[in-house]
Protein backbone atom coordinates (compact mmCIF):
# COMPACT_ATOMS: atom_id res chain seq x y z
CA UNK A 1 4.85 66.15 7.93
CA UNK A 2 4.41 65.70 4.18
CA UNK A 3 1.00 64.85 2.76
CA UNK A 4 2.36 61.53 1.46
CA UNK A 5 3.55 60.43 4.91
CA UNK A 6 0.40 61.70 6.60
CA UNK A 7 -1.80 59.78 4.15
CA UNK A 8 0.32 56.65 4.62
CA UNK A 9 0.16 56.76 8.43
CA UNK A 10 -3.58 57.41 8.51
CA UNK A 11 -4.30 54.69 5.97
CA UNK A 12 -2.03 52.18 7.70
CA UNK A 13 -3.53 52.75 11.15
CA UNK A 14 -7.09 52.73 9.85
CA UNK A 15 -6.56 49.56 7.81
CA UNK A 16 -4.98 47.56 10.62
CA UNK A 17 -7.63 48.47 13.17
CA UNK A 18 -10.45 47.93 10.65
CA UNK A 19 -9.26 44.61 9.25
CA UNK A 20 -7.97 42.76 12.32
CA UNK A 21 -10.78 40.60 13.63
CA UNK A 22 -13.30 41.31 10.86
CA UNK A 23 -15.01 38.67 8.70
CA UNK A 24 -12.35 38.84 5.97
CA UNK A 25 -9.60 38.26 8.52
CA UNK A 26 -11.36 35.15 9.84
CA UNK A 27 -12.15 33.89 6.33
CA UNK A 28 -8.47 34.20 5.41
CA UNK A 29 -7.43 32.27 8.52
CA UNK A 30 -9.95 29.50 7.73
CA UNK A 31 -8.83 29.20 4.12
CA UNK A 32 -5.19 29.01 5.22
CA UNK A 33 -6.08 26.21 7.66
CA UNK A 34 -7.77 24.14 4.95
CA UNK A 35 -5.60 24.83 1.92
CA UNK A 36 -1.92 25.44 1.08
CA UNK A 37 -0.91 28.78 2.56
CA UNK A 38 0.93 30.27 -0.41
CA UNK A 39 -1.98 30.47 -2.91
CA UNK A 40 -4.30 31.66 -0.11
CA UNK A 41 -1.86 34.42 0.85
CA UNK A 42 -1.33 35.46 -2.77
CA UNK A 43 -5.04 35.44 -3.55
CA UNK A 44 -5.99 37.52 -0.51
CA UNK A 45 -3.15 40.00 -0.99
CA UNK A 46 -3.96 40.45 -4.68
CA UNK A 47 -7.63 41.00 -3.92
CA UNK A 48 -7.01 43.49 -1.13
CA UNK A 49 -4.42 45.39 -3.19
CA UNK A 50 -6.85 45.70 -6.11
CA UNK A 51 -9.61 46.82 -3.75
CA UNK A 52 -7.32 49.44 -2.15
CA UNK A 53 -6.23 50.85 -5.51
CA UNK A 54 -9.81 50.98 -6.83
CA UNK A 55 -11.03 52.70 -3.65
CA UNK A 56 -8.20 55.23 -3.79
CA UNK A 57 -8.97 55.96 -7.46
CA UNK A 58 -12.60 56.66 -6.59
CA UNK A 59 -11.49 58.93 -3.74
CA UNK A 60 -8.97 60.72 -5.96
CA UNK A 61 -11.63 61.33 -8.62
CA UNK A 62 -14.22 62.61 -6.15
CA UNK A 63 -12.83 66.18 -5.86
CA UNK A 64 -12.99 66.36 -9.66
CA UNK A 65 -16.71 65.61 -9.55
CA UNK A 66 -17.60 67.87 -6.62
CA UNK A 67 -15.72 70.73 -5.00
CA UNK A 68 -12.78 69.87 -2.76
CA UNK A 69 -14.53 71.71 0.08
CA UNK A 70 -17.58 69.44 -0.07
CA UNK A 71 -15.38 66.35 -0.49
CA UNK A 72 -13.57 67.35 2.70
CA UNK A 73 -16.85 67.89 4.58
CA UNK A 74 -18.17 64.49 3.46
CA UNK A 75 -14.92 62.81 4.50
CA UNK A 76 -15.10 64.47 7.94
CA UNK A 77 -18.68 63.29 8.35
CA UNK A 78 -17.74 59.74 7.31
CA UNK A 79 -15.00 59.61 9.94
CA UNK A 80 -17.46 60.53 12.68
CA UNK A 81 -20.12 58.13 11.38
CA UNK A 82 -17.68 55.21 11.15
CA UNK A 83 -16.24 56.12 14.55
CA UNK A 84 -19.65 56.06 16.24
CA UNK A 85 -20.56 52.91 14.30
CA UNK A 86 -17.43 51.09 15.51
CA UNK A 87 -17.87 52.33 19.08
CA UNK A 88 -21.47 51.10 19.08
CA UNK A 89 -20.35 47.69 17.77
CA UNK A 90 -17.77 47.51 20.53
CA UNK A 91 -20.17 48.58 23.28
CA UNK A 92 -22.93 46.13 22.33
CA UNK A 93 -20.46 43.23 21.90
CA UNK A 94 -20.92 41.08 25.00
CA UNK A 95 -18.09 38.73 24.04
CA UNK A 96 -20.34 35.68 23.75
CA UNK A 97 -20.56 35.56 19.94
CA UNK A 98 -17.99 33.37 18.22
CA UNK A 99 -17.57 35.22 14.93
CA UNK A 100 -14.84 32.81 13.80
CA UNK A 101 -17.28 29.89 14.03
CA UNK A 102 -19.96 31.92 12.25
CA UNK A 103 -17.66 32.71 9.32
CA UNK A 104 -16.49 29.11 9.18
CA UNK A 105 -20.08 27.86 9.07
CA UNK A 106 -20.92 30.33 6.32
CA UNK A 107 -17.97 29.21 4.21
CA UNK A 108 -18.96 25.57 4.73
CA UNK A 109 -22.54 26.28 3.68
CA UNK A 110 -21.42 28.05 0.51
CA UNK A 111 -18.98 25.28 -0.32
CA UNK A 112 -21.48 22.49 0.18
CA UNK A 113 -24.18 24.24 -1.84
CA UNK A 114 -21.87 24.97 -4.76
CA UNK A 115 -19.72 21.89 -5.04
CA UNK A 116 -20.65 19.27 -2.49
CA UNK A 117 -18.43 17.75 0.16
CA UNK A 118 -17.01 14.99 -2.03
CA UNK A 119 -15.92 17.30 -4.78
CA UNK A 120 -14.33 19.60 -2.20
CA UNK A 121 -12.12 16.84 -0.86
CA UNK A 122 -11.15 15.81 -4.36
CA UNK A 123 -10.10 19.34 -5.22
CA UNK A 124 -8.07 19.62 -2.03
CA UNK A 125 -6.19 16.42 -2.90
CA UNK A 126 -5.55 17.62 -6.44
CA UNK A 127 -4.30 20.96 -5.12
CA UNK A 128 -1.83 19.26 -2.79
CA UNK A 129 -0.43 17.29 -5.71
CA UNK A 130 0.21 20.48 -7.65
CA UNK A 131 2.41 22.12 -5.03
CA UNK A 132 5.63 21.30 -6.90
CA UNK A 133 4.52 23.23 -9.98
CA UNK A 134 6.33 26.53 -10.83
CA UNK A 135 5.60 29.52 -8.64
CA UNK A 136 3.70 31.49 -11.29
CA UNK A 137 1.25 28.64 -11.79
CA UNK A 138 -0.09 29.37 -8.31
CA UNK A 139 -1.76 32.47 -9.72
CA UNK A 140 -4.06 30.27 -11.75
CA UNK A 141 -4.86 27.68 -9.09
CA UNK A 142 -8.44 27.20 -7.87
CA UNK A 143 -7.34 28.04 -4.33
CA UNK A 144 -5.91 31.38 -5.45
CA UNK A 145 -9.14 32.26 -7.28
CA UNK A 146 -11.25 31.20 -4.30
CA UNK A 147 -9.19 33.29 -1.86
CA UNK A 148 -9.33 36.25 -4.26
CA UNK A 149 -13.10 36.11 -4.73
CA UNK A 150 -13.97 35.46 -1.06
CA UNK A 151 -11.81 38.40 0.04
CA UNK A 152 -12.89 40.78 -2.73
CA UNK A 153 -16.62 40.34 -2.24
CA UNK A 154 -16.17 40.24 1.54
CA UNK A 155 -14.53 43.68 1.45
CA UNK A 156 -16.89 45.24 -1.10
CA UNK A 157 -18.94 47.92 0.61
CA UNK A 158 -17.14 47.42 3.94
CA UNK A 159 -16.58 50.53 6.04
CA UNK A 160 -12.81 50.19 5.56
CA UNK A 161 -13.33 50.49 1.78
CA UNK A 162 -15.53 53.56 2.20
CA UNK A 163 -13.04 55.07 4.64
CA UNK A 164 -10.24 54.49 2.11
CA UNK A 165 -12.27 56.38 -0.49
CA UNK A 166 -12.73 59.22 1.98
CA UNK A 167 -9.05 59.30 2.90
CA UNK A 168 -7.95 59.35 -0.74
CA UNK A 169 -10.30 62.26 -1.39
CA UNK A 170 -8.73 64.26 1.42
CA UNK A 171 -5.13 63.02 1.60
CA UNK A 172 -2.36 62.13 -0.84
CA UNK A 173 -3.79 59.11 -2.74
CA UNK A 174 -0.36 57.53 -3.21
CA UNK A 175 0.22 57.60 0.54
CA UNK A 176 -3.25 56.16 1.12
CA UNK A 177 -2.62 53.31 -1.33
CA UNK A 178 0.80 52.53 0.12
CA UNK A 179 -0.42 52.61 3.72
CA UNK A 180 -3.49 50.55 2.85
CA UNK A 181 -1.52 47.85 1.05
CA UNK A 182 1.04 47.64 3.86
CA UNK A 183 -1.74 47.38 6.44
CA UNK A 184 -3.62 44.75 4.42
CA UNK A 185 -0.40 42.76 3.98
CA UNK A 186 0.32 42.79 7.71
CA UNK A 187 -3.20 41.63 8.57
CA UNK A 188 -3.29 38.97 5.86
CA UNK A 189 0.10 37.50 6.80
CA UNK A 190 -0.98 37.42 10.45
CA UNK A 191 -4.23 35.63 9.54
CA UNK A 192 -2.49 33.09 7.29
CA UNK A 193 0.33 32.30 9.72
CA UNK A 194 -1.64 32.63 12.95
CA UNK A 195 -4.73 30.73 11.85
CA UNK A 196 -7.36 29.86 14.42
CA UNK A 197 -4.97 30.15 17.40
CA UNK A 198 -4.42 33.86 16.66
CA UNK A 199 -8.01 34.56 15.58
CA UNK A 200 -9.39 33.08 18.81
CA UNK A 201 -7.20 35.40 20.92
CA UNK A 202 -8.40 38.59 19.25
CA UNK A 203 -10.85 40.64 21.27
CA UNK A 204 -13.41 41.95 18.79
CA UNK A 205 -14.66 44.38 21.42
CA UNK A 206 -11.25 46.00 21.94
CA UNK A 207 -10.57 46.13 18.20
CA UNK A 208 -13.95 47.77 17.54
CA UNK A 209 -13.50 50.33 20.32
CA UNK A 210 -9.94 51.13 19.21
CA UNK A 211 -11.05 51.55 15.61
CA UNK A 212 -13.91 53.78 16.71
CA UNK A 213 -11.60 56.03 18.69
CA UNK A 214 -9.21 56.26 15.73
CA UNK A 215 -12.01 57.27 13.35
CA UNK A 216 -13.22 59.90 15.82
CA UNK A 217 -9.67 61.28 16.12
CA UNK A 218 -9.41 61.48 12.32
CA UNK A 219 -12.79 63.23 12.23
CA UNK A 220 -11.73 65.80 14.83
CA UNK A 221 -8.46 66.44 13.01
CA UNK A 222 -10.29 66.85 9.71
CA UNK A 223 -12.84 69.21 11.31
CA UNK A 224 -10.11 71.33 12.94
CA UNK A 225 -8.28 71.64 9.62
CA UNK A 226 -11.53 73.01 8.14
CA UNK A 227 -11.91 75.58 10.93
CA UNK A 228 -8.27 76.70 10.64
CA UNK A 229 -8.57 77.16 6.90
């Protein structure tokens, strides 16, 4: 298997299992329920693509700052740490917490503190009236910018971002970027189209446990490659 394909597969699997059911996924679903879907989808996809490319660039540059051997060891350690972290999240999740409602309440609080309820409704009405404008104008709509910023800052410092940096340091960065963008696109489209009905059916416990197992598998594979070399 080529390094490009291996990086793509790892990045795709990691991204899907990390992003499905996390706060960004729920925030995207909520935004798509309240606003026109197209600018929300474009804003989230643009944000996640930028984040993936930036993370991969940092990972690609890491071996140039420290030795490739140490970069590989750090990446292996990160996989085990994130795996145990995800497994712990899954084990302690009793299924009673409604994370969707928590994210929705947080978005409401931020919106009310920044703009007020009346202004929010006015902007929603204005946005609906602009839907017949040319496609490119959607890139400059307030909804696009809101989706972009909510997603970007929601992902900043997330373990999926750090894992992407680690992957890009150890695998083909182009494969990592491609797999990450494909995975982000799949999750974002699912959140936008599925909305609350899909989000409410997702078992956060199963997703966390599955992601933890995947990270552990990546860690073992990375460790074995070190021993063999």
